[in-house]
């Protein structure tokens, strides 16, 4: 399982596992230099679509430049490690944006 991350609400993909990936739909710029929330969770729900038991399923997240994982590996074992037919497993990564906003977001008030 490979998940290519893009900021959005929920993305669903079907195969041996039906994958649902969710995260905040947007990041706000705070104090002109920081994103919020940061770090933020990326949650994965995987549901078995086959009649067999799935064992030791893992998920991998690939992040674009300017984002990195905090205190975890890009390869994540899903929990539980045994997924029965129709069963569900989950996993989560904490992602941090390491770039500063590209534009000056300082509010300036002009009086004439």
C-alpha atoms as a PDB file:
ATOM      1  CA  UNK A   1       0.000   0.000   0.000  1.00  0.00           C
ATOM      2  CA  UNK A   2       1.438   3.397  -0.939  1.00  0.00           C
ATOM      3  CA  UNK A   3      -0.210   6.696  -0.118  1.00  0.00           C
ATOM      4  CA  UNK A   4       0.889   9.838  -1.907  1.00  0.00           C
ATOM      5  CA  UNK A   5      -0.100  12.637   0.421  1.00  0.00           C
ATOM      6  CA  UNK A   6      -1.894  15.790  -0.638  1.00  0.00           C
ATOM      7  CA  UNK A   7      -3.704  18.109   1.728  1.00  0.00           C
ATOM      8  CA  UNK A   8      -7.395  17.287   1.584  1.00  0.00           C
ATOM      9  CA  UNK A   9     -10.249  15.928   3.592  1.00  0.00           C
ATOM     10  CA  UNK A  10     -10.709  12.305   2.525  1.00  0.00           C
ATOM     11  CA  UNK A  11      -9.416  10.248  -0.389  1.00  0.00           C
ATOM     12  CA  UNK A  12     -10.681   6.704  -0.997  1.00  0.00           C
ATOM     13  CA  UNK A  13      -9.006   4.025  -3.124  1.00  0.00           C
ATOM     14  CA  UNK A  14     -10.215   0.465  -3.745  1.00  0.00           C
ATOM     15  CA  UNK A  15      -8.219  -2.756  -4.262  1.00  0.00           C
ATOM     16  CA  UNK A  16      -7.559  -5.689  -1.929  1.00  0.00           C
ATOM     17  CA  UNK A  17      -8.008  -3.055   0.760  1.00  0.00           C
ATOM     18  CA  UNK A  18     -10.374  -0.096   0.489  1.00  0.00           C
ATOM     19  CA  UNK A  19      -8.300   2.818   1.764  1.00  0.00           C
ATOM     20  CA  UNK A  20      -9.628   5.997   3.284  1.00  0.00           C
ATOM     21  CA  UNK A  21      -7.062   8.700   4.069  1.00  0.00           C
ATOM     22  CA  UNK A  22      -8.060  11.822   5.982  1.00  0.00           C
ATOM     23  CA  UNK A  23      -6.311  14.938   7.206  1.00  0.00           C
ATOM     24  CA  UNK A  24      -7.125  18.590   7.859  1.00  0.00           C
ATOM     25  CA  UNK A  25      -8.612  20.178   4.741  1.00  0.00           C
ATOM     26  CA  UNK A  26      -6.438  23.260   5.062  1.00  0.00           C
ATOM     27  CA  UNK A  27      -3.558  24.722   7.004  1.00  0.00           C
ATOM     28  CA  UNK A  28      -3.814  28.284   8.258  1.00  0.00           C
ATOM     29  CA  UNK A  29      -0.883  30.702   8.370  1.00  0.00           C
ATOM     30  CA  UNK A  30      -0.292  31.933  11.935  1.00  0.00           C
ATOM     31  CA  UNK A  31       1.967  34.824  12.975  1.00  0.00           C
ATOM     32  CA  UNK A  32       2.984  35.228   9.317  1.00  0.00           C
ATOM     33  CA  UNK A  33       5.571  32.459   9.555  1.00  0.00           C
ATOM     34  CA  UNK A  34       3.927  29.270  10.796  1.00  0.00           C
ATOM     35  CA  UNK A  35       1.254  26.850   9.649  1.00  0.00           C
ATOM     36  CA  UNK A  36      -1.502  25.635  11.925  1.00  0.00           C
ATOM     37  CA  UNK A  37      -2.151  22.900  12.781  1.00  0.00           C
ATOM     38  CA  UNK A  38       1.472  21.853  12.546  1.00  0.00           C
ATOM     39  CA  UNK A  39       2.167  19.002  12.963  1.00  0.00           C
ATOM     40  CA  UNK A  40      -1.116  17.494  11.843  1.00  0.00           C
ATOM     41  CA  UNK A  41      -2.420  13.907  11.688  1.00  0.00           C
ATOM     42  CA  UNK A  42      -2.865  11.876   8.511  1.00  0.00           C
ATOM     43  CA  UNK A  43      -5.208   8.998   9.345  1.00  0.00           C
ATOM     44  CA  UNK A  44      -5.637   5.804   7.341  1.00  0.00           C
ATOM     45  CA  UNK A  45      -8.529   3.357   7.569  1.00  0.00           C
ATOM     46  CA  UNK A  46      -8.078   0.152   5.556  1.00  0.00           C
ATOM     47  CA  UNK A  47     -10.974  -2.246   5.043  1.00  0.00           C
ATOM     48  CA  UNK A  48     -10.493  -5.726   3.603  1.00  0.00           C
ATOM     49  CA  UNK A  49     -12.441  -6.337   0.382  1.00  0.00           C
ATOM     50  CA  UNK A  50     -11.432  -9.999  -0.027  1.00  0.00           C
ATOM     51  CA  UNK A  51     -12.696 -13.219   1.554  1.00  0.00           C
ATOM     52  CA  UNK A  52      -9.262 -14.150   2.921  1.00  0.00           C
ATOM     53  CA  UNK A  53      -7.573 -12.966   6.099  1.00  0.00           C
ATOM     54  CA  UNK A  54      -4.862 -10.341   5.557  1.00  0.00           C
ATOM     55  CA  UNK A  55      -1.830 -10.543   7.816  1.00  0.00           C
ATOM     56  CA  UNK A  56       0.876  -8.002   8.634  1.00  0.00           C
ATOM     57  CA  UNK A  57      -0.473  -5.237   6.367  1.00  0.00           C
ATOM     58  CA  UNK A  58       1.666  -2.115   6.154  1.00  0.00           C
ATOM     59  CA  UNK A  59       1.133   1.321   4.652  1.00  0.00           C
ATOM     60  CA  UNK A  60       3.706   3.749   3.304  1.00  0.00           C
ATOM     61  CA  UNK A  61       3.322   7.515   3.044  1.00  0.00           C
ATOM     62  CA  UNK A  62       5.313   9.589   0.548  1.00  0.00           C
ATOM     63  CA  UNK A  63       5.537  13.282   1.346  1.00  0.00           C
ATOM     64  CA  UNK A  64       6.414  16.180  -0.949  1.00  0.00           C
ATOM     65  CA  UNK A  65       9.390  18.451  -0.282  1.00  0.00           C
ATOM     66  CA  UNK A  66       8.688  20.729   2.660  1.00  0.00           C
ATOM     67  CA  UNK A  67       6.853  18.087   4.697  1.00  0.00           C
ATOM     68  CA  UNK A  68       8.314  15.473   7.012  1.00  0.00           C
ATOM     69  CA  UNK A  69       7.180  12.951   9.562  1.00  0.00           C
ATOM     70  CA  UNK A  70       7.560  13.652  13.263  1.00  0.00           C
ATOM     71  CA  UNK A  71       8.945  10.786  15.341  1.00  0.00           C
ATOM     72  CA  UNK A  72       7.678   8.001  13.110  1.00  0.00           C
ATOM     73  CA  UNK A  73       8.664   6.025  10.050  1.00  0.00           C
ATOM     74  CA  UNK A  74       7.044   6.381   6.624  1.00  0.00           C
ATOM     75  CA  UNK A  75       6.287   2.622   6.734  1.00  0.00           C
ATOM     76  CA  UNK A  76       3.501   1.964   9.215  1.00  0.00           C
ATOM     77  CA  UNK A  77       2.218  -1.445  10.366  1.00  0.00           C
ATOM     78  CA  UNK A  78      -1.575  -1.351  10.425  1.00  0.00           C
ATOM     79  CA  UNK A  79      -3.428  -2.252  13.588  1.00  0.00           C
ATOM     80  CA  UNK A  80      -4.643  -4.878  14.154  1.00  0.00           C
ATOM     81  CA  UNK A  81      -2.023  -6.891  12.276  1.00  0.00           C
ATOM     82  CA  UNK A  82      -4.608  -9.549  11.315  1.00  0.00           C
ATOM     83  CA  UNK A  83      -7.518  -8.219   9.230  1.00  0.00           C
ATOM     84  CA  UNK A  84     -10.387 -10.699   8.731  1.00  0.00           C
ATOM     85  CA  UNK A  85     -12.602 -10.605   5.621  1.00  0.00           C
ATOM     86  CA  UNK A  86     -14.498  -7.306   5.756  1.00  0.00           C
ATOM     87  CA  UNK A  87     -12.433  -6.209   8.763  1.00  0.00           C
ATOM     88  CA  UNK A  88     -10.860  -2.829   9.341  1.00  0.00           C
ATOM     89  CA  UNK A  89      -7.342  -1.755  10.349  1.00  0.00           C
ATOM     90  CA  UNK A  90      -6.038   1.731  11.050  1.00  0.00           C
ATOM     91  CA  UNK A  91      -2.852   3.727  11.194  1.00  0.00           C
ATOM     92  CA  UNK A  92      -1.772   7.337  11.618  1.00  0.00           C
ATOM     93  CA  UNK A  93       1.212   9.549  10.847  1.00  0.00           C
ATOM     94  CA  UNK A  94       2.043  12.987  12.241  1.00  0.00           C
ATOM     95  CA  UNK A  95       3.195  15.293   9.435  1.00  0.00           C
ATOM     96  CA  UNK A  96       4.993  18.586   9.897  1.00  0.00           C
ATOM     97  CA  UNK A  97       5.322  21.361   7.325  1.00  0.00           C
ATOM     98  CA  UNK A  98       8.922  22.563   7.410  1.00  0.00           C
ATOM     99  CA  UNK A  99       8.620  25.439   4.916  1.00  0.00           C
ATOM    100  CA  UNK A 100       7.606  28.959   5.815  1.00  0.00           C
ATOM    101  CA  UNK A 101       4.727  30.562   3.902  1.00  0.00           C
ATOM    102  CA  UNK A 102       5.984  32.021   0.615  1.00  0.00           C
ATOM    103  CA  UNK A 103       4.136  35.311   0.863  1.00  0.00           C
ATOM    104  CA  UNK A 104       4.106  38.072   3.439  1.00  0.00           C
ATOM    105  CA  UNK A 105       0.779  37.692   5.233  1.00  0.00           C
ATOM    106  CA  UNK A 106       1.219  40.710   7.494  1.00  0.00           C
ATOM    107  CA  UNK A 107      -1.971  42.755   7.759  1.00  0.00           C
ATOM    108  CA  UNK A 108      -1.403  46.457   7.081  1.00  0.00           C
ATOM    109  CA  UNK A 109      -4.048  49.081   7.654  1.00  0.00           C
ATOM    110  CA  UNK A 110      -3.764  52.344   5.708  1.00  0.00           C
ATOM    111  CA  UNK A 111      -5.719  55.445   6.647  1.00  0.00           C
ATOM    112  CA  UNK A 112      -6.187  58.256   4.174  1.00  0.00           C
END
